[in-house]
């Protein structure tokens, strides 16, 4: 039996992953890149003096790190949601037999 939380997850996941996979990755990678950049930027500004010693090139390093974090987290989320979806579907297919 599928719980209400699982039904919500299935509906939301099918809606999110509808369409080409690259569109999902583009949208969520961009969003997570922006979020991770803001977190890195404000934490370094708050707790370190890197801005005084790193200069203008430091921003390029932060953008690169943020891009990698955004892509990694998007892939991690997509993979874990797919596994969860297939696990629920496999369980329900087994229950239906």
N, C-alpha and C. Protein backbone atom coordinates (compact mmCIF):
# COMPACT_ATOMS: atom_id res chain seq x y z
N UNK A 1 0.84 -1.18 0.00
CA UNK A 1 0.00 0.00 0.00
C UNK A 1 0.88 1.24 0.00
N UNK A 2 0.59 2.15 -0.88
CA UNK A 2 1.35 3.40 -0.98
C UNK A 2 0.76 4.41 0.01
N UNK A 3 1.64 5.01 0.80
CA UNK A 3 1.19 6.01 1.76
C UNK A 3 0.94 7.33 1.03
N UNK A 4 0.30 8.26 1.73
CA UNK A 4 0.02 9.57 1.14
C UNK A 4 1.32 10.32 0.81
N UNK A 5 2.31 10.18 1.68
CA UNK A 5 3.61 10.83 1.44
C UNK A 5 4.26 10.27 0.19
N UNK A 6 4.16 8.96 -0.01
CA UNK A 6 4.73 8.34 -1.20
C UNK A 6 3.98 8.76 -2.46
N UNK A 7 2.66 8.88 -2.36
CA UNK A 7 1.87 9.35 -3.51
C UNK A 7 2.28 10.77 -3.89
N UNK A 8 2.45 11.63 -2.89
CA UNK A 8 2.89 13.00 -3.14
C UNK A 8 4.27 13.01 -3.79
N UNK A 9 5.18 12.19 -3.25
CA UNK A 9 6.52 12.10 -3.81
C UNK A 9 6.47 11.65 -5.27
N UNK A 10 5.69 10.61 -5.55
CA UNK A 10 5.61 10.10 -6.92
C UNK A 10 5.07 11.17 -7.86
N UNK A 11 4.00 11.85 -7.46
CA UNK A 11 3.43 12.90 -8.31
C UNK A 11 4.42 14.03 -8.54
N UNK A 12 5.06 14.49 -7.48
CA UNK A 12 6.02 15.58 -7.62
C UNK A 12 7.23 15.16 -8.43
N UNK A 13 7.72 13.96 -8.22
CA UNK A 13 8.91 13.50 -8.94
C UNK A 13 8.61 13.31 -10.43
N UNK A 14 7.46 12.74 -10.75
CA UNK A 14 7.10 12.58 -12.16
C UNK A 14 6.95 13.93 -12.84
N UNK A 15 6.42 14.90 -12.13
CA UNK A 15 6.27 16.24 -12.70
C UNK A 15 7.63 16.90 -12.89
N UNK A 16 8.52 16.76 -11.91
CA UNK A 16 9.84 17.38 -12.00
C UNK A 16 10.68 16.78 -13.10
N UNK A 17 10.63 15.48 -13.27
CA UNK A 17 11.51 14.85 -14.25
C UNK A 17 10.87 14.71 -15.62
N UNK A 18 9.65 15.21 -15.79
CA UNK A 18 9.02 15.16 -17.10
C UNK A 18 9.82 16.05 -18.06
N UNK A 19 9.94 15.60 -19.27
CA UNK A 19 10.74 16.33 -20.24
C UNK A 19 12.17 15.79 -20.28
N UNK A 20 13.01 16.45 -21.05
CA UNK A 20 14.40 15.99 -21.18
C UNK A 20 15.17 16.11 -19.86
N UNK A 21 16.09 15.18 -19.68
CA UNK A 21 16.89 15.15 -18.46
C UNK A 21 17.78 16.38 -18.36
N UNK A 22 18.25 16.89 -19.50
CA UNK A 22 19.16 18.04 -19.48
C UNK A 22 18.46 19.29 -18.97
N UNK A 23 17.16 19.40 -19.19
CA UNK A 23 16.44 20.56 -18.67
C UNK A 23 16.37 20.52 -17.14
N UNK A 24 16.15 19.33 -16.59
CA UNK A 24 16.15 19.17 -15.14
C UNK A 24 17.51 19.57 -14.58
N UNK A 25 18.57 19.03 -15.19
CA UNK A 25 19.92 19.32 -14.72
C UNK A 25 20.25 20.80 -14.86
N UNK A 26 19.85 21.41 -15.96
CA UNK A 26 20.13 22.84 -16.16
C UNK A 26 19.43 23.69 -15.11
N UNK A 27 18.17 23.43 -14.89
CA UNK A 27 17.40 24.22 -13.93
C UNK A 27 17.93 24.07 -12.50
N UNK A 28 18.07 22.84 -12.06
CA UNK A 28 18.46 22.63 -10.67
C UNK A 28 19.94 22.88 -10.43
N UNK A 29 20.78 22.63 -11.43
CA UNK A 29 22.20 22.96 -11.27
C UNK A 29 22.39 24.46 -11.14
N UNK A 30 21.66 25.22 -11.91
CA UNK A 30 21.72 26.68 -11.81
C UNK A 30 21.26 27.14 -10.44
N UNK A 31 20.15 26.60 -9.99
CA UNK A 31 19.62 27.00 -8.68
C UNK A 31 20.60 26.66 -7.56
N UNK A 32 21.14 25.44 -7.56
CA UNK A 32 22.06 25.05 -6.50
C UNK A 32 23.40 25.77 -6.61
N UNK A 33 23.79 26.15 -7.81
CA UNK A 33 25.02 26.93 -7.97
C UNK A 33 24.87 28.30 -7.32
N UNK A 34 23.73 28.94 -7.55
CA UNK A 34 23.48 30.25 -6.94
C UNK A 34 23.44 30.14 -5.42
N UNK A 35 22.73 29.15 -4.92
CA UNK A 35 22.63 28.97 -3.47
C UNK A 35 24.00 28.71 -2.86
N UNK A 36 24.77 27.80 -3.45
CA UNK A 36 26.08 27.48 -2.89
C UNK A 36 27.03 28.66 -3.00
N UNK A 37 26.93 29.46 -4.08
CA UNK A 37 27.78 30.64 -4.19
C UNK A 37 27.48 31.63 -3.07
N UNK A 38 26.21 31.87 -2.83
CA UNK A 38 25.84 32.81 -1.77
C UNK A 38 26.31 32.34 -0.40
N UNK A 39 26.18 31.06 -0.14
CA UNK A 39 26.63 30.51 1.14
C UNK A 39 28.14 30.66 1.27
N UNK A 40 28.88 30.25 0.25
CA UNK A 40 30.35 30.35 0.29
C UNK A 40 30.78 31.81 0.42
N UNK A 41 30.17 32.68 -0.36
CA UNK A 41 30.52 34.09 -0.35
C UNK A 41 30.34 34.70 1.04
N UNK A 42 29.16 34.52 1.61
CA UNK A 42 28.89 35.16 2.90
C UNK A 42 29.66 34.52 4.05
N UNK A 43 29.88 33.22 3.98
CA UNK A 43 30.67 32.59 5.04
C UNK A 43 32.13 33.04 5.00
N UNK A 44 32.69 33.17 3.81
CA UNK A 44 34.09 33.64 3.73
C UNK A 44 34.17 35.11 4.10
N UNK A 45 33.19 35.86 3.73
CA UNK A 45 33.17 37.28 4.08
C UNK A 45 33.04 37.47 5.60
N UNK A 46 32.27 36.60 6.21
CA UNK A 46 31.99 36.71 7.64
C UNK A 46 33.13 36.19 8.51
N UNK A 47 33.72 35.05 8.13
CA UNK A 47 34.66 34.38 9.02
C UNK A 47 36.13 34.46 8.61
N UNK A 48 36.45 34.97 7.45
CA UNK A 48 37.85 34.99 7.03
C UNK A 48 38.23 36.35 6.47
N UNK A 49 39.52 36.51 6.26
CA UNK A 49 40.02 37.73 5.61
C UNK A 49 40.53 37.40 4.20
N UNK A 50 39.97 36.37 3.59
CA UNK A 50 40.40 35.96 2.25
C UNK A 50 40.21 37.06 1.22
N UNK A 51 39.21 37.90 1.43
CA UNK A 51 38.94 38.94 0.45
C UNK A 51 40.07 39.97 0.40
N UNK A 52 40.75 40.15 1.51
CA UNK A 52 41.87 41.09 1.53
C UNK A 52 43.12 40.48 0.90
N UNK A 53 43.31 39.18 1.06
CA UNK A 53 44.51 38.53 0.54
C UNK A 53 44.29 37.88 -0.82
N UNK A 54 43.08 37.43 -1.11
CA UNK A 54 42.80 36.71 -2.36
C UNK A 54 42.56 37.61 -3.54
N UNK A 55 42.08 38.78 -3.30
CA UNK A 55 41.84 39.73 -4.38
C UNK A 55 40.66 39.35 -5.26
N UNK A 56 40.68 39.91 -6.44
CA UNK A 56 39.57 39.75 -7.37
C UNK A 56 39.48 38.33 -7.93
N UNK A 57 40.57 37.62 -8.02
CA UNK A 57 40.55 36.26 -8.57
C UNK A 57 39.82 35.28 -7.67
N UNK A 58 39.63 35.64 -6.43
CA UNK A 58 38.93 34.77 -5.49
C UNK A 58 37.50 34.52 -5.93
N UNK A 59 36.88 35.49 -6.55
CA UNK A 59 35.49 35.33 -7.00
C UNK A 59 35.39 34.24 -8.06
N UNK A 60 36.39 34.12 -8.92
CA UNK A 60 36.38 33.08 -9.95
C UNK A 60 36.51 31.69 -9.33
N UNK A 61 37.28 31.59 -8.29
CA UNK A 61 37.42 30.32 -7.58
C UNK A 61 36.09 29.94 -6.94
N UNK A 62 35.43 30.92 -6.33
CA UNK A 62 34.13 30.65 -5.70
C UNK A 62 33.08 30.25 -6.73
N UNK A 63 33.09 30.88 -7.89
CA UNK A 63 32.14 30.52 -8.94
C UNK A 63 32.39 29.09 -9.40
N UNK A 64 33.65 28.72 -9.57
CA UNK A 64 33.98 27.36 -9.98
C UNK A 64 33.57 26.33 -8.95
N UNK A 65 33.86 26.60 -7.70
CA UNK A 65 33.48 25.69 -6.63
C UNK A 65 31.95 25.58 -6.56
N UNK A 66 31.28 26.69 -6.67
CA UNK A 66 29.81 26.70 -6.61
C UNK A 66 29.20 25.91 -7.76
N UNK A 67 29.78 26.03 -8.93
CA UNK A 67 29.30 25.29 -10.10
C UNK A 67 29.45 23.78 -9.88
N UNK A 68 30.60 23.38 -9.36
CA UNK A 68 30.81 21.96 -9.08
C UNK A 68 29.84 21.44 -8.02
N UNK A 69 29.64 22.23 -6.97
CA UNK A 69 28.71 21.83 -5.92
C UNK A 69 27.29 21.73 -6.48
N UNK A 70 26.89 22.69 -7.30
CA UNK A 70 25.55 22.68 -7.88
C UNK A 70 25.31 21.47 -8.76
N UNK A 71 26.27 21.13 -9.60
CA UNK A 71 26.12 19.97 -10.48
C UNK A 71 26.13 18.68 -9.66
N UNK A 72 27.03 18.58 -8.70
CA UNK A 72 27.11 17.38 -7.86
C UNK A 72 25.81 17.17 -7.10
N UNK A 73 25.30 18.22 -6.46
CA UNK A 73 24.10 18.07 -5.66
C UNK A 73 22.88 17.75 -6.52
N UNK A 74 22.82 18.33 -7.71
CA UNK A 74 21.72 18.02 -8.63
C UNK A 74 21.77 16.55 -9.03
N UNK A 75 22.94 16.07 -9.36
CA UNK A 75 23.08 14.65 -9.74
C UNK A 75 22.73 13.74 -8.56
N UNK A 76 23.21 14.09 -7.38
CA UNK A 76 22.92 13.31 -6.18
C UNK A 76 21.41 13.26 -5.92
N UNK A 77 20.74 14.39 -6.02
CA UNK A 77 19.30 14.45 -5.79
C UNK A 77 18.53 13.65 -6.84
N UNK A 78 18.91 13.81 -8.10
CA UNK A 78 18.25 13.08 -9.17
C UNK A 78 18.40 11.57 -8.98
N UNK A 79 19.61 11.14 -8.68
CA UNK A 79 19.87 9.70 -8.49
C UNK A 79 19.11 9.13 -7.30
N UNK A 80 19.13 9.85 -6.18
CA UNK A 80 18.44 9.34 -5.00
C UNK A 80 16.93 9.33 -5.19
N UNK A 81 16.39 10.32 -5.87
CA UNK A 81 14.95 10.33 -6.13
C UNK A 81 14.54 9.22 -7.10
N UNK A 82 15.37 8.94 -8.09
CA UNK A 82 15.09 7.84 -9.02
C UNK A 82 15.10 6.51 -8.28
N UNK A 83 16.09 6.32 -7.40
CA UNK A 83 16.16 5.08 -6.63
C UNK A 83 14.93 4.92 -5.75
N UNK A 84 14.55 6.01 -5.09
CA UNK A 84 13.37 5.96 -4.22
C UNK A 84 12.11 5.64 -5.04
N UNK A 85 11.97 6.27 -6.20
CA UNK A 85 10.82 6.05 -7.07
C UNK A 85 10.76 4.59 -7.52
N UNK A 86 11.89 4.06 -7.99
CA UNK A 86 11.92 2.67 -8.47
C UNK A 86 11.69 1.67 -7.33
N UNK A 87 12.17 2.00 -6.15
CA UNK A 87 11.96 1.14 -4.99
C UNK A 87 10.48 1.06 -4.65
N UNK A 88 9.79 2.20 -4.67
CA UNK A 88 8.35 2.23 -4.39
C UNK A 88 7.59 1.46 -5.46
N UNK A 89 7.95 1.68 -6.73
CA UNK A 89 7.25 1.01 -7.83
C UNK A 89 7.49 -0.51 -7.79
N UNK A 90 8.71 -0.91 -7.46
CA UNK A 90 9.02 -2.34 -7.37
C UNK A 90 8.24 -2.98 -6.23
N UNK A 91 8.16 -2.30 -5.10
CA UNK A 91 7.41 -2.81 -3.96
C UNK A 91 5.93 -2.95 -4.30
N UNK A 92 5.39 -1.95 -4.97
CA UNK A 92 3.97 -2.00 -5.32
C UNK A 92 3.69 -3.05 -6.38
N UNK A 93 4.63 -3.23 -7.30
CA UNK A 93 4.46 -4.28 -8.31
C UNK A 93 4.47 -5.64 -7.65
N UNK A 94 5.32 -5.82 -6.64
CA UNK A 94 5.37 -7.08 -5.89
C UNK A 94 4.09 -7.31 -5.10
N UNK A 95 3.51 -6.24 -4.56
CA UNK A 95 2.27 -6.35 -3.79
C UNK A 95 1.07 -6.64 -4.69
N UNK A 96 1.13 -6.17 -5.94
CA UNK A 96 0.01 -6.34 -6.85
C UNK A 96 -0.10 -7.81 -7.33
N UNK A 97 1.02 -8.50 -7.33
CA UNK A 97 1.02 -9.91 -7.80
C UNK A 97 0.47 -10.82 -6.79
